[in-house]
Amino acid sequence: MRDWERYLWLTLLGPLLWLQGKHVRRVTPRLPEPPGARQGTAGQGPLLRVLIAGDSAAAGVGAPSQHEALSGQLVSRLSQHRTVQWCLMAVNGLDSPGLLRLLEATPVEHFDVVVLSIGVNDVTGLRSPSEWLQWQSRLARSVEHRFEPGLLIHSALPPMHGFTALPQPLRWFMGRWALEMNWHLATSLSGQARRVLHSPLLGAAAPGLAADGFHPGPLGYSLWAQGLSQLILAYPMGEQLTTLQ
């Protein structure tokens, strides 16, 4: 969907989409960030330092505890093969500018892997895909400057066209917007070695959703963590690679 098509649909459907969005905000359950540790050390073997940063999904909203959220399930898998020193920096409601502010307020520290989960709030805020792409580049530069990772993983936006909390046509519209953002980011990262796009949930989102129909549940986080762990463990961390672009 090109920019003019997107804004044409927004113009044509704007009043209906606004009413549906207002209804969704009113009736959708407000799930909290789950309790549990947000940093620690686990496992045995070669040291692997991991930072997870981002929005409500990174924070584990939709899971009953951090152990069943993304950070806990990812650390559980990685720690079977590595000594994992990990940190979670995530806040419900963050968009890309908010995440950049959070990262730049964080003390400088070295991590081998940084996982970013951001974008759903950019979609609901109607940030254009081209502008969103610029923010991902700014986030990558900040991550490189502050944390010097061997690998930066951008988690793709989830399939919002499968979010059961969203009625039609709002679900279709948000889904198309998210797919366009993913396409722009995937195109920009083509051929890069140290910045990669990981698509945690392909196809329909519904089986992995929490009770609010918007965030991942434990199953969704499990699938996400499984894919991330396979990607991280397969990556040659010891190689000397070029600086992130």
Protein backbone atom coordinates (compact mmCIF):
# COMPACT_ATOMS: atom_id res chain seq x y z
CA MET A 1 0.00 0.00 0.00
CA ARG A 2 1.57 3.28 -1.10
CA ASP A 3 1.35 6.47 0.95
CA TRP A 4 -1.42 7.99 -1.15
CA GLU A 5 -3.47 4.79 -0.94
CA ARG A 6 -3.02 4.59 2.81
CA TYR A 7 -4.13 8.16 3.38
CA LEU A 8 -6.98 7.78 0.92
CA TRP A 9 -8.34 4.89 2.96
CA LEU A 10 -7.74 6.90 6.13
CA THR A 11 -9.75 9.76 4.66
CA LEU A 12 -12.58 7.52 3.49
CA LEU A 13 -12.76 5.40 6.63
CA GLY A 14 -11.50 7.97 9.12
CA PRO A 15 -14.70 8.59 11.10
CA LEU A 16 -15.47 4.87 11.38
CA LEU A 17 -11.89 4.00 12.33
CA TRP A 18 -11.87 6.73 14.97
CA LEU A 19 -15.10 5.43 16.50
CA GLN A 20 -13.84 1.85 16.47
CA GLY A 21 -10.52 2.88 18.03
CA LYS A 22 -12.34 4.76 20.78
CA HIS A 23 -14.53 1.69 21.41
CA VAL A 24 -11.50 -0.63 21.55
CA ARG A 25 -9.76 1.59 24.10
CA ARG A 26 -12.91 1.62 26.24
CA VAL A 27 -13.67 -2.11 26.27
CA THR A 28 -10.27 -3.80 25.98
CA PRO A 29 -8.94 -5.06 29.34
CA ARG A 30 -5.92 -3.14 30.60
CA LEU A 31 -3.41 -5.86 31.39
CA PRO A 32 -0.49 -4.96 33.67
CA GLU A 33 3.20 -5.55 33.16
CA PRO A 34 3.83 -8.90 34.86
CA PRO A 35 5.87 -9.24 38.04
CA GLY A 36 9.27 -10.87 38.08
CA ALA A 37 12.97 -10.23 37.66
CA ARG A 38 14.13 -7.84 34.94
CA GLN A 39 17.81 -8.72 35.10
CA GLY A 40 19.96 -11.56 36.24
CA THR A 41 22.35 -14.38 35.37
CA ALA A 42 21.41 -17.95 34.46
CA GLY A 43 22.92 -21.08 32.92
CA GLN A 44 26.44 -22.23 32.30
CA GLY A 45 28.94 -22.15 29.47
CA PRO A 46 30.32 -19.23 27.43
CA LEU A 47 29.08 -15.84 28.56
CA LEU A 48 26.28 -14.22 26.53
CA ARG A 49 25.05 -10.74 27.47
CA VAL A 50 21.53 -9.99 26.26
CA LEU A 51 19.43 -6.82 26.37
CA ILE A 52 15.70 -6.86 25.57
CA ALA A 53 14.19 -3.41 25.10
CA GLY A 54 10.90 -2.08 23.87
CA ASP A 55 7.20 -1.73 24.44
CA SER A 56 4.46 -3.69 26.22
CA ALA A 57 5.26 -6.90 24.36
CA ALA A 58 8.89 -6.72 25.45
CA ALA A 59 7.64 -5.96 28.97
CA GLY A 60 5.61 -9.17 28.91
CA VAL A 61 2.08 -7.74 29.06
CA GLY A 62 -0.30 -10.65 28.55
CA ALA A 63 1.77 -13.14 30.58
CA PRO A 64 1.15 -13.83 34.29
CA SER A 65 4.85 -13.49 35.14
CA GLN A 66 8.15 -12.53 33.55
CA HIS A 67 9.06 -16.20 33.63
CA GLU A 68 6.30 -16.88 31.07
CA ALA A 69 6.93 -13.66 29.13
CA LEU A 70 9.49 -13.04 26.40
CA SER A 71 12.49 -12.37 28.63
CA GLY A 72 11.93 -15.37 30.89
CA GLN A 73 11.28 -17.82 28.07
CA LEU A 74 14.22 -16.54 26.01
CA VAL A 75 16.62 -16.74 28.94
CA SER A 76 15.34 -20.22 29.77
CA ARG A 77 16.23 -21.44 26.28
CA LEU A 78 19.57 -19.65 25.96
CA SER A 79 20.75 -20.70 29.42
CA GLN A 80 20.70 -24.35 28.35
CA HIS A 81 23.72 -23.50 26.18
CA ARG A 82 25.28 -20.32 27.61
CA THR A 83 25.80 -18.35 30.80
CA VAL A 84 23.29 -15.59 30.15
CA GLN A 85 23.59 -12.16 31.73
CA TRP A 86 20.39 -10.42 30.76
CA CYS A 87 18.53 -7.17 31.23
CA LEU A 88 14.99 -6.11 30.33
CA MET A 89 14.24 -2.44 29.65
CA ALA A 90 10.66 -2.08 28.51
CA VAL A 91 7.64 0.09 29.28
CA ASN A 92 4.01 -0.38 28.33
CA GLY A 93 2.90 2.22 25.77
CA LEU A 94 6.29 3.11 24.27
CA ASP A 95 6.60 4.13 20.63
CA SER A 96 9.89 4.52 18.77
CA PRO A 97 10.72 8.04 20.04
CA GLY A 98 9.90 6.90 23.58
CA LEU A 99 12.19 3.90 23.27
CA LEU A 100 15.01 6.10 22.00
CA ARG A 101 14.64 8.34 25.06
CA LEU A 102 14.69 5.29 27.32
CA LEU A 103 17.85 3.89 25.71
CA GLU A 104 19.66 7.20 25.83
CA ALA A 105 18.89 7.54 29.53
CA THR A 106 20.46 4.13 30.19
CA PRO A 107 24.08 3.86 31.38
CA VAL A 108 26.55 2.64 28.78
CA GLU A 109 27.13 -1.11 29.01
CA HIS A 110 28.28 -3.84 26.64
CA PHE A 111 25.82 -6.47 25.40
CA ASP A 112 26.46 -9.21 22.86
CA VAL A 113 22.85 -9.21 21.65
CA VAL A 114 20.19 -6.50 21.72
CA VAL A 115 16.57 -7.38 20.91
CA LEU A 116 14.23 -4.49 20.09
CA SER A 117 10.44 -4.86 20.16
CA ILE A 118 8.76 -1.67 19.00
CA GLY A 119 6.20 -0.51 16.49
CA VAL A 120 2.62 -1.35 17.46
CA ASN A 121 2.17 2.03 19.14
CA ASP A 122 3.70 3.69 16.08
CA VAL A 123 1.02 1.99 13.99
CA THR A 124 -1.83 3.02 16.28
CA GLY A 125 -0.35 6.54 16.30
CA LEU A 126 -0.41 6.49 12.46
CA ARG A 127 3.33 7.15 12.10
CA SER A 128 4.14 6.68 8.42
CA PRO A 129 6.23 3.61 7.47
CA SER A 130 8.96 5.82 5.98
CA GLU A 131 9.19 7.92 9.15
CA TRP A 132 9.13 4.77 11.28
CA LEU A 133 12.06 3.41 9.27
CA GLN A 134 14.05 6.54 10.07
CA TRP A 135 13.38 5.97 13.75
CA GLN A 136 14.67 2.39 13.50
CA SER A 137 17.91 3.72 12.06
CA ARG A 138 18.19 6.21 14.92
CA LEU A 139 17.54 3.43 17.42
CA ALA A 140 20.23 1.29 15.79
CA ARG A 141 22.79 4.09 16.01
CA SER A 142 21.98 4.64 19.68
CA VAL A 143 22.24 0.92 20.41
CA GLU A 144 25.63 0.73 18.67
CA HIS A 145 26.94 3.77 20.50
CA ARG A 146 25.80 2.73 23.97
CA PHE A 147 25.92 -1.08 23.93
CA GLU A 148 28.20 -2.16 21.02
CA PRO A 149 26.38 -5.45 20.37
CA GLY A 150 27.57 -8.12 18.03
CA LEU A 151 23.97 -8.59 16.90
CA LEU A 152 20.97 -6.27 16.85
CA ILE A 153 17.64 -8.01 16.30
CA HIS A 154 14.59 -6.00 15.27
CA SER A 155 11.44 -7.95 16.07
CA ALA A 156 8.97 -7.49 13.24
CA LEU A 157 5.60 -6.01 14.02
CA PRO A 158 3.11 -8.76 14.87
CA PRO A 159 0.27 -9.66 12.47
CA MET A 160 -2.14 -6.97 13.62
CA HIS A 161 -4.61 -8.18 11.01
CA GLY A 162 -5.12 -11.10 13.42
CA PHE A 163 -5.67 -9.05 16.60
CA THR A 164 -9.11 -10.16 17.75
CA ALA A 165 -9.51 -7.04 19.93
CA LEU A 166 -9.76 -4.94 16.76
CA PRO A 167 -13.06 -4.94 14.83
CA GLN A 168 -13.18 -4.74 11.05
CA PRO A 169 -12.25 -2.64 9.13
CA LEU A 170 -9.90 -1.26 11.82
CA ARG A 171 -8.17 -4.64 12.06
CA TRP A 172 -7.57 -4.76 8.30
CA PHE A 173 -6.32 -1.16 8.22
CA MET A 174 -3.90 -1.55 11.15
CA GLY A 175 -2.74 -4.88 9.74
CA ARG A 176 -1.90 -3.38 6.37
CA TRP A 177 -0.05 -0.51 8.03
CA ALA A 178 2.03 -2.95 10.13
CA LEU A 179 2.85 -5.12 7.10
CA GLU A 180 4.04 -2.03 5.25
CA MET A 181 6.36 -1.12 8.13
CA ASN A 182 7.81 -4.63 8.15
CA TRP A 183 8.38 -4.51 4.41
CA HIS A 184 10.25 -1.19 4.63
CA LEU A 185 12.47 -2.46 7.44
CA ALA A 186 13.18 -5.81 5.77
CA THR A 187 14.18 -4.03 2.56
CA SER A 188 16.51 -1.65 4.40
CA LEU A 189 18.23 -4.49 6.29
CA SER A 190 18.82 -6.68 3.23
CA GLY A 191 22.49 -7.68 3.09
CA GLN A 192 23.37 -6.40 6.57
CA ALA A 193 25.22 -8.80 8.83
CA ARG A 194 24.72 -7.34 12.30
CA ARG A 195 21.19 -5.97 12.02
CA VAL A 196 18.52 -8.53 11.28
CA LEU A 197 14.74 -8.67 11.22
CA HIS A 198 13.08 -11.53 13.07
CA SER A 199 9.42 -12.31 12.43
CA PRO A 200 8.17 -13.98 15.61
CA LEU A 201 4.58 -14.67 14.61
CA LEU A 202 3.66 -15.43 11.04
CA GLY A 203 0.11 -15.81 9.81
CA ALA A 204 -2.79 -15.56 12.20
CA ALA A 205 -2.00 -14.16 15.64
CA ALA A 206 -5.09 -15.43 17.44
CA PRO A 207 -3.73 -18.75 18.81
CA GLY A 208 -0.90 -16.95 20.63
CA LEU A 209 -2.86 -13.98 21.96
CA ALA A 210 -3.61 -13.11 25.57
CA ALA A 211 -7.13 -12.58 26.90
CA ASP A 212 -7.17 -8.96 25.70
CA GLY A 213 -6.88 -10.05 22.07
CA PHE A 214 -4.02 -7.60 21.58
CA HIS A 215 -0.89 -8.79 23.38
CA PRO A 216 0.89 -12.15 23.24
CA GLY A 217 -0.01 -14.76 25.80
CA PRO A 218 2.42 -17.38 27.15
CA LEU A 219 2.09 -19.43 23.94
CA GLY A 220 2.84 -16.41 21.77
CA TYR A 221 5.85 -15.54 23.90
CA SER A 222 7.04 -19.14 23.73
CA LEU A 223 6.99 -19.14 19.93
CA TRP A 224 8.73 -15.77 19.86
CA ALA A 225 11.43 -16.87 22.30
CA GLN A 226 12.00 -20.14 20.45
CA GLY A 227 12.70 -18.35 17.18
CA LEU A 228 14.93 -15.75 18.83
CA SER A 229 16.97 -18.36 20.69
CA GLN A 230 17.60 -20.31 17.49
CA LEU A 231 18.69 -17.14 15.71
CA ILE A 232 21.00 -16.05 18.55
CA LEU A 233 22.62 -19.44 19.11
CA ALA A 234 23.31 -19.84 15.38
CA TYR A 235 25.00 -16.45 15.14
CA PRO A 236 28.86 -16.39 15.15
CA MET A 237 29.33 -13.98 18.05
CA GLY A 238 33.10 -14.30 18.10
CA GLU A 239 33.68 -12.90 14.63
CA GLN A 240 34.98 -9.37 14.13
CA LEU A 241 32.27 -7.66 12.14
CA THR A 242 31.77 -4.21 10.74
CA THR A 243 29.99 -1.42 12.58
CA LEU A 244 26.19 -1.28 12.47
CA GLN A 245 24.89 0.90 9.67
